Amino acid sequence: MRPERAYSYILRCADGTFYTGWTSDVTARVKNHNAGKGAKYTRGRGPVELVYYEERVNKAEACRREWELKKLTRKQKEELISAWQEVPED
């Protein structure tokens, strides 16, 4: 049986604010946010841009990490995003 995939992610809204969430499908979730079918917070703040995500082992871990990310200050989120975007993909 294939393990459950789950992701914690951060979006940058058109108004410059950040939204943090979790999902099992990052691409589909971003599309939902941009279609106005995502979280209430992102409605009216689109389009949104995926600026950070982490794969976690399961939903519980993704939710736990989402909570940790939400507690970060804006500056800490910006630093995390900046460091993540500088990492080359394999």
N, C-alpha and C. Protein backbone atom coordinates (compact mmCIF):
# COMPACT_ATOMS: atom_id res chain seq x y z
N MET A 1 0.84 -1.18 0.00
CA MET A 1 0.00 0.00 0.00
C MET A 1 0.88 1.25 0.00
N ARG A 2 0.56 2.19 -0.84
CA ARG A 2 1.32 3.43 -0.97
C ARG A 2 1.06 4.34 0.23
N PRO A 3 2.11 4.90 0.80
CA PRO A 3 1.91 5.80 1.95
C PRO A 3 1.16 7.07 1.54
N GLU A 4 0.40 7.57 2.47
CA GLU A 4 -0.34 8.81 2.25
C GLU A 4 0.64 9.97 2.11
N ARG A 5 0.44 10.79 1.08
CA ARG A 5 1.27 11.98 0.93
C ARG A 5 0.49 13.18 1.45
N ALA A 6 1.18 14.05 2.11
CA ALA A 6 0.55 15.27 2.60
C ALA A 6 1.61 16.37 2.58
N TYR A 7 1.14 17.58 2.38
CA TYR A 7 2.03 18.71 2.24
C TYR A 7 1.56 19.88 3.10
N SER A 8 2.51 20.58 3.67
CA SER A 8 2.27 21.87 4.31
C SER A 8 2.75 22.90 3.30
N TYR A 9 2.03 24.01 3.17
CA TYR A 9 2.40 24.98 2.13
C TYR A 9 2.11 26.40 2.57
N ILE A 10 2.77 27.33 1.87
CA ILE A 10 2.53 28.76 2.08
C ILE A 10 2.25 29.37 0.71
N LEU A 11 1.19 30.17 0.66
CA LEU A 11 0.84 30.92 -0.54
C LEU A 11 1.07 32.40 -0.30
N ARG A 12 1.46 33.11 -1.34
CA ARG A 12 1.49 34.57 -1.28
C ARG A 12 0.27 35.06 -2.05
N CYS A 13 -0.57 35.82 -1.36
CA CYS A 13 -1.77 36.37 -1.98
C CYS A 13 -1.42 37.64 -2.75
N ALA A 14 -2.30 38.04 -3.64
CA ALA A 14 -2.07 39.23 -4.46
C ALA A 14 -1.88 40.48 -3.62
N ASP A 15 -2.46 40.51 -2.41
CA ASP A 15 -2.31 41.68 -1.54
C ASP A 15 -1.03 41.63 -0.71
N GLY A 16 -0.18 40.60 -0.96
CA GLY A 16 1.10 40.48 -0.27
C GLY A 16 1.06 39.69 1.02
N THR A 17 -0.11 39.29 1.46
CA THR A 17 -0.22 38.50 2.69
C THR A 17 0.10 37.04 2.40
N PHE A 18 0.36 36.28 3.46
CA PHE A 18 0.64 34.86 3.33
C PHE A 18 -0.54 34.05 3.85
N TYR A 19 -0.77 32.91 3.23
CA TYR A 19 -1.76 31.95 3.70
C TYR A 19 -1.03 30.62 3.85
N THR A 20 -1.25 29.95 4.96
CA THR A 20 -0.61 28.66 5.23
C THR A 20 -1.67 27.58 5.36
N GLY A 21 -1.41 26.43 4.76
CA GLY A 21 -2.36 25.34 4.83
C GLY A 21 -1.68 24.00 4.65
N TRP A 22 -2.50 22.97 4.50
CA TRP A 22 -1.99 21.63 4.21
C TRP A 22 -2.91 21.00 3.16
N THR A 23 -2.39 20.01 2.44
CA THR A 23 -3.15 19.35 1.40
C THR A 23 -2.50 18.03 1.03
N SER A 24 -3.23 17.20 0.31
CA SER A 24 -2.65 15.97 -0.24
C SER A 24 -2.26 16.16 -1.71
N ASP A 25 -2.66 17.30 -2.30
CA ASP A 25 -2.34 17.59 -3.71
C ASP A 25 -2.11 19.10 -3.86
N VAL A 26 -0.86 19.49 -3.87
CA VAL A 26 -0.51 20.92 -3.89
C VAL A 26 -1.04 21.61 -5.15
N THR A 27 -0.83 21.02 -6.30
CA THR A 27 -1.24 21.64 -7.56
C THR A 27 -2.75 21.88 -7.59
N ALA A 28 -3.52 20.87 -7.24
CA ALA A 28 -4.98 21.00 -7.23
C ALA A 28 -5.44 22.03 -6.20
N ARG A 29 -4.77 22.06 -5.06
CA ARG A 29 -5.18 22.99 -4.01
C ARG A 29 -4.95 24.44 -4.44
N VAL A 30 -3.82 24.72 -5.07
CA VAL A 30 -3.53 26.08 -5.54
C VAL A 30 -4.58 26.47 -6.60
N LYS A 31 -4.92 25.54 -7.49
CA LYS A 31 -5.95 25.82 -8.49
C LYS A 31 -7.28 26.15 -7.81
N ASN A 32 -7.63 25.40 -6.77
CA ASN A 32 -8.87 25.67 -6.03
C ASN A 32 -8.85 27.06 -5.40
N HIS A 33 -7.73 27.41 -4.77
CA HIS A 33 -7.61 28.75 -4.18
C HIS A 33 -7.82 29.82 -5.25
N ASN A 34 -7.18 29.64 -6.39
CA ASN A 34 -7.28 30.64 -7.46
C ASN A 34 -8.65 30.68 -8.12
N ALA A 35 -9.41 29.61 -7.99
CA ALA A 35 -10.76 29.57 -8.53
C ALA A 35 -11.79 30.08 -7.52
N GLY A 36 -11.32 30.52 -6.36
CA GLY A 36 -12.24 31.02 -5.34
C GLY A 36 -12.91 29.92 -4.54
N LYS A 37 -12.41 28.69 -4.67
CA LYS A 37 -13.00 27.55 -3.97
C LYS A 37 -12.12 27.06 -2.82
N GLY A 38 -11.07 27.80 -2.51
CA GLY A 38 -10.18 27.43 -1.42
C GLY A 38 -10.68 27.99 -0.11
N ALA A 39 -9.79 28.32 0.74
CA ALA A 39 -10.12 28.87 2.05
C ALA A 39 -10.79 30.23 1.92
N LYS A 40 -11.62 30.55 2.87
CA LYS A 40 -12.30 31.85 2.88
C LYS A 40 -11.28 32.99 2.84
N TYR A 41 -10.15 32.82 3.52
CA TYR A 41 -9.14 33.87 3.58
C TYR A 41 -8.63 34.25 2.19
N THR A 42 -8.44 33.27 1.31
CA THR A 42 -7.85 33.57 0.01
C THR A 42 -8.85 34.09 -1.00
N ARG A 43 -10.14 33.93 -0.73
CA ARG A 43 -11.16 34.47 -1.65
C ARG A 43 -11.06 35.99 -1.65
N GLY A 44 -10.97 36.57 -2.80
CA GLY A 44 -10.84 38.02 -2.90
C GLY A 44 -9.42 38.52 -2.74
N ARG A 45 -8.49 37.59 -2.50
CA ARG A 45 -7.08 37.98 -2.36
C ARG A 45 -6.24 37.36 -3.48
N GLY A 46 -6.88 36.82 -4.49
CA GLY A 46 -6.17 36.14 -5.55
C GLY A 46 -5.75 37.10 -6.64
N PRO A 47 -4.94 36.61 -7.53
CA PRO A 47 -4.48 35.23 -7.56
C PRO A 47 -3.42 34.98 -6.48
N VAL A 48 -3.32 33.70 -6.09
CA VAL A 48 -2.32 33.32 -5.11
C VAL A 48 -1.17 32.62 -5.83
N GLU A 49 -0.01 32.64 -5.19
CA GLU A 49 1.19 32.02 -5.75
C GLU A 49 1.77 31.08 -4.70
N LEU A 50 2.07 29.86 -5.09
CA LEU A 50 2.72 28.91 -4.19
C LEU A 50 4.17 29.34 -4.02
N VAL A 51 4.57 29.64 -2.79
CA VAL A 51 5.94 30.11 -2.56
C VAL A 51 6.75 29.16 -1.68
N TYR A 52 6.08 28.15 -1.08
CA TYR A 52 6.78 27.22 -0.20
C TYR A 52 5.92 26.00 0.02
N TYR A 53 6.55 24.82 0.04
CA TYR A 53 5.84 23.62 0.49
C TYR A 53 6.83 22.59 1.00
N GLU A 54 6.33 21.71 1.84
CA GLU A 54 7.11 20.60 2.39
C GLU A 54 6.27 19.34 2.30
N GLU A 55 6.87 18.25 1.89
CA GLU A 55 6.16 16.97 1.92
C GLU A 55 6.30 16.37 3.32
N ARG A 56 5.21 15.88 3.86
CA ARG A 56 5.21 15.25 5.18
C ARG A 56 4.76 13.80 5.02
N VAL A 57 4.96 12.98 6.05
CA VAL A 57 4.66 11.55 5.92
C VAL A 57 3.17 11.24 5.96
N ASN A 58 2.38 12.11 6.56
CA ASN A 58 0.93 11.86 6.63
C ASN A 58 0.21 13.16 6.99
N LYS A 59 -1.12 13.08 7.01
CA LYS A 59 -1.95 14.25 7.30
C LYS A 59 -1.63 14.85 8.66
N ALA A 60 -1.47 14.00 9.66
CA ALA A 60 -1.21 14.51 11.01
C ALA A 60 0.07 15.33 11.05
N GLU A 61 1.11 14.85 10.39
CA GLU A 61 2.38 15.58 10.36
C GLU A 61 2.25 16.88 9.57
N ALA A 62 1.50 16.85 8.48
CA ALA A 62 1.30 18.06 7.68
C ALA A 62 0.54 19.10 8.49
N CYS A 63 -0.48 18.68 9.22
CA CYS A 63 -1.25 19.60 10.06
C CYS A 63 -0.39 20.18 11.18
N ARG A 64 0.43 19.33 11.76
CA ARG A 64 1.34 19.79 12.83
C ARG A 64 2.30 20.84 12.28
N ARG A 65 2.86 20.59 11.10
CA ARG A 65 3.79 21.54 10.50
C ARG A 65 3.08 22.82 10.08
N GLU A 66 1.84 22.68 9.58
CA GLU A 66 1.05 23.86 9.24
C GLU A 66 0.93 24.77 10.46
N TRP A 67 0.62 24.21 11.60
CA TRP A 67 0.48 24.98 12.84
C TRP A 67 1.80 25.69 13.19
N GLU A 68 2.91 24.98 13.04
CA GLU A 68 4.22 25.58 13.31
C GLU A 68 4.48 26.76 12.36
N LEU A 69 4.16 26.56 11.07
CA LEU A 69 4.38 27.63 10.09
C LEU A 69 3.51 28.84 10.39
N LYS A 70 2.27 28.60 10.81
CA LYS A 70 1.36 29.70 11.11
C LYS A 70 1.86 30.55 12.28
N LYS A 71 2.60 29.96 13.18
CA LYS A 71 3.11 30.69 14.34
C LYS A 71 4.34 31.54 14.02
N LEU A 72 4.95 31.33 12.85
CA LEU A 72 6.13 32.12 12.48
C LEU A 72 5.72 33.57 12.22
N THR A 73 6.64 34.47 12.48
CA THR A 73 6.41 35.87 12.13
C THR A 73 6.52 36.02 10.62
N ARG A 74 6.06 37.13 10.11
CA ARG A 74 6.17 37.39 8.68
C ARG A 74 7.63 37.33 8.24
N LYS A 75 8.51 37.94 9.01
CA LYS A 75 9.94 37.94 8.67
C LYS A 75 10.49 36.51 8.63
N GLN A 76 10.11 35.69 9.59
CA GLN A 76 10.57 34.30 9.60
C GLN A 76 10.04 33.54 8.39
N LYS A 77 8.80 33.79 8.01
CA LYS A 77 8.24 33.14 6.81
C LYS A 77 9.01 33.59 5.57
N GLU A 78 9.29 34.88 5.47
CA GLU A 78 10.04 35.39 4.32
C GLU A 78 11.42 34.76 4.24
N GLU A 79 12.09 34.60 5.38
CA GLU A 79 13.41 33.98 5.40
C GLU A 79 13.33 32.51 5.00
N LEU A 80 12.31 31.80 5.48
CA LEU A 80 12.12 30.39 5.14
C LEU A 80 11.87 30.25 3.63
N ILE A 81 11.01 31.08 3.09
CA ILE A 81 10.69 31.05 1.66
C ILE A 81 11.93 31.36 0.84
N SER A 82 12.67 32.37 1.24
CA SER A 82 13.87 32.77 0.51
C SER A 82 14.90 31.63 0.49
N ALA A 83 15.13 31.01 1.64
CA ALA A 83 16.10 29.91 1.73
C ALA A 83 15.63 28.72 0.90
N TRP A 84 14.33 28.44 0.91
CA TRP A 84 13.78 27.31 0.16
C TRP A 84 13.91 27.53 -1.33
N GLN A 85 13.69 28.75 -1.78
CA GLN A 85 13.75 29.05 -3.21
C GLN A 85 15.18 29.04 -3.73
N GLU A 86 16.15 29.15 -2.85
CA GLU A 86 17.55 29.14 -3.27
C GLU A 86 18.11 27.73 -3.39
N VAL A 87 17.40 26.73 -2.85
CA VAL A 87 17.86 25.34 -2.89
C VAL A 87 17.62 24.78 -4.29
N PRO A 88 18.68 24.31 -4.96
CA PRO A 88 18.48 23.74 -6.31
C PRO A 88 17.75 22.41 -6.22
N GLU A 89 16.89 22.16 -7.22
CA GLU A 89 16.18 20.87 -7.28
C GLU A 89 17.08 19.82 -7.82
N ASP A 90 16.86 18.58 -7.38
CA ASP A 90 17.68 17.45 -7.86
C ASP A 90 17.35 17.07 -9.26
